[in-house]
Every structure is written in structure tokens, then in C-alpha cells.
Amino acid sequence: MAGVGLYDNEAKIRQALMVLQRILSDTHVPRNIRRVCAEAIKYLQDVSLSPGVRAANAIGVLDTIMQDPNMPTYTRTEILRVVALLETVRD
């Protein structure tokens, strides 16, 4: 049964990575926000940590930019979706 949960966590992390990669490649997003997304991607790809820790680290850095007034509304919505998804990742 633990294998199913691990697969589910990895699928959620892959989905979050896809959204963050899309934000990273969007040139309309300010550079500082793309930089934080790149840092979150780095945390999510660190397989030396458990999925829950990877998700928590990524959420931590994404939270730092949520109040940025320069963030486009659609980007804020996407980041909120990623955070909500990652909050369901458990060890």
C-alpha cells in the first residue's frame, strides 16, 4: 500500500513541476518570480529527500513571493494551484 502513496506523491510532484516549468518559460513573468520558481523546481527534483520534505521546501520558497505586487494574476493563480497540490503530498 505504501507504494501506491509514493506513486501518488511522485505524480503530484511531476504535475507541480510541469506548471512551474511553464511559469519559468513565460517571459511575461518578472525575473524574480521565475528565479523563485526555479528554486522550487530544484527542491522538488532533489530525490535525496522524501516527497513530503521536497514539497514542504518548495511551498516555503513559493510562499515568499505570493504577495509580490508585480506578479501577474494568472501566475499567482497557477502558483496557488501548485501550493495546494503540494500541500497534499505526505510521507
Protein backbone atom coordinates (compact mmCIF):
# COMPACT_ATOMS: atom_id res chain seq x y z
CA MET A 1 0.00 0.00 0.00
CA ALA A 2 2.90 2.37 0.70
CA GLY A 3 3.99 2.07 -2.93
CA VAL A 4 0.66 3.45 -4.12
CA GLY A 5 1.03 6.53 -1.89
CA LEU A 6 4.58 7.07 -3.09
CA TYR A 7 3.45 6.85 -6.72
CA ASP A 8 0.65 9.32 -5.98
CA ASN A 9 3.11 11.73 -4.34
CA GLU A 10 5.52 11.49 -7.26
CA ALA A 11 2.67 12.11 -9.72
CA LYS A 12 1.66 15.25 -7.79
CA ILE A 13 5.26 16.45 -7.76
CA ARG A 14 5.57 15.85 -11.52
CA GLN A 15 2.37 17.82 -12.10
CA ALA A 16 3.67 20.70 -9.96
CA LEU A 17 6.96 20.60 -11.86
CA MET A 18 5.15 20.93 -15.18
CA VAL A 19 3.27 24.03 -14.01
CA LEU A 20 6.43 25.59 -12.55
CA GLN A 21 8.35 24.88 -15.77
CA ARG A 22 5.60 26.64 -17.73
CA ILE A 23 5.86 29.69 -15.43
CA LEU A 24 9.65 29.60 -15.75
CA SER A 25 9.45 29.74 -19.54
CA ASP A 26 6.92 32.61 -19.56
CA THR A 27 8.84 35.79 -20.40
CA HIS A 28 5.95 37.96 -19.15
CA VAL A 29 6.62 36.80 -15.59
CA PRO A 30 9.09 39.03 -13.70
CA ARG A 31 12.59 37.63 -13.31
CA ASN A 32 12.49 37.44 -9.51
CA ILE A 33 9.37 35.27 -9.64
CA ARG A 34 10.91 32.99 -12.25
CA ARG A 35 14.01 32.73 -10.04
CA VAL A 36 11.90 31.54 -7.09
CA CYS A 37 10.08 29.06 -9.34
CA ALA A 38 13.47 27.70 -10.45
CA GLU A 39 14.45 27.30 -6.80
CA ALA A 40 11.19 25.45 -6.07
CA ILE A 41 11.89 23.17 -9.06
CA LYS A 42 15.35 22.44 -7.66
CA TYR A 43 13.81 21.43 -4.32
CA LEU A 44 11.19 19.23 -5.97
CA GLN A 45 13.83 17.42 -8.03
CA ASP A 46 16.05 16.64 -5.02
CA VAL A 47 15.48 12.87 -4.80
CA SER A 48 17.74 12.60 -1.73
CA LEU A 49 14.81 13.95 0.32
CA SER A 50 11.41 12.38 0.94
CA PRO A 51 8.47 13.64 -1.17
CA GLY A 52 6.93 15.41 1.83
CA VAL A 53 10.12 17.32 2.61
CA ARG A 54 10.62 18.23 -1.05
CA ALA A 55 7.05 19.56 -1.23
CA ALA A 56 7.42 21.50 2.05
CA ASN A 57 10.66 23.11 0.87
CA ALA A 58 9.06 24.14 -2.42
CA ILE A 59 6.00 25.55 -0.65
CA GLY A 60 8.29 27.53 1.64
CA VAL A 61 10.03 29.33 -1.20
CA LEU A 62 6.83 29.85 -3.20
CA ASP A 63 5.21 31.48 -0.16
CA THR A 64 7.92 34.14 -0.20
CA ILE A 65 6.65 35.59 -3.50
CA MET A 66 2.90 35.28 -3.05
CA GLN A 67 2.48 38.92 -2.02
CA ASP A 68 4.66 40.32 -4.81
CA PRO A 69 2.64 43.16 -6.39
CA ASN A 70 4.43 42.66 -9.74
CA MET A 71 3.17 39.11 -10.15
CA PRO A 72 0.65 38.71 -12.97
CA THR A 73 -2.73 37.49 -11.71
CA TYR A 74 -2.68 34.34 -13.84
CA THR A 75 0.76 33.45 -12.46
CA ARG A 76 -0.45 33.93 -8.88
CA THR A 77 -3.36 31.60 -9.64
CA GLU A 78 -1.01 28.96 -11.05
CA ILE A 79 1.33 29.19 -8.06
CA LEU A 80 -1.62 28.87 -5.68
CA ARG A 81 -2.66 25.73 -7.58
CA VAL A 82 0.85 24.32 -7.21
CA VAL A 83 0.93 25.10 -3.48
CA ALA A 84 -2.49 23.50 -2.96
CA LEU A 85 -1.33 20.40 -4.85
CA LEU A 86 1.93 20.15 -2.93
CA GLU A 87 0.14 20.54 0.39
CA THR A 88 -1.50 17.16 -0.26
CA VAL A 89 1.89 15.41 -0.55
CA ARG A 90 2.52 13.36 2.60
CA ASP A 91 5.29 10.99 3.63
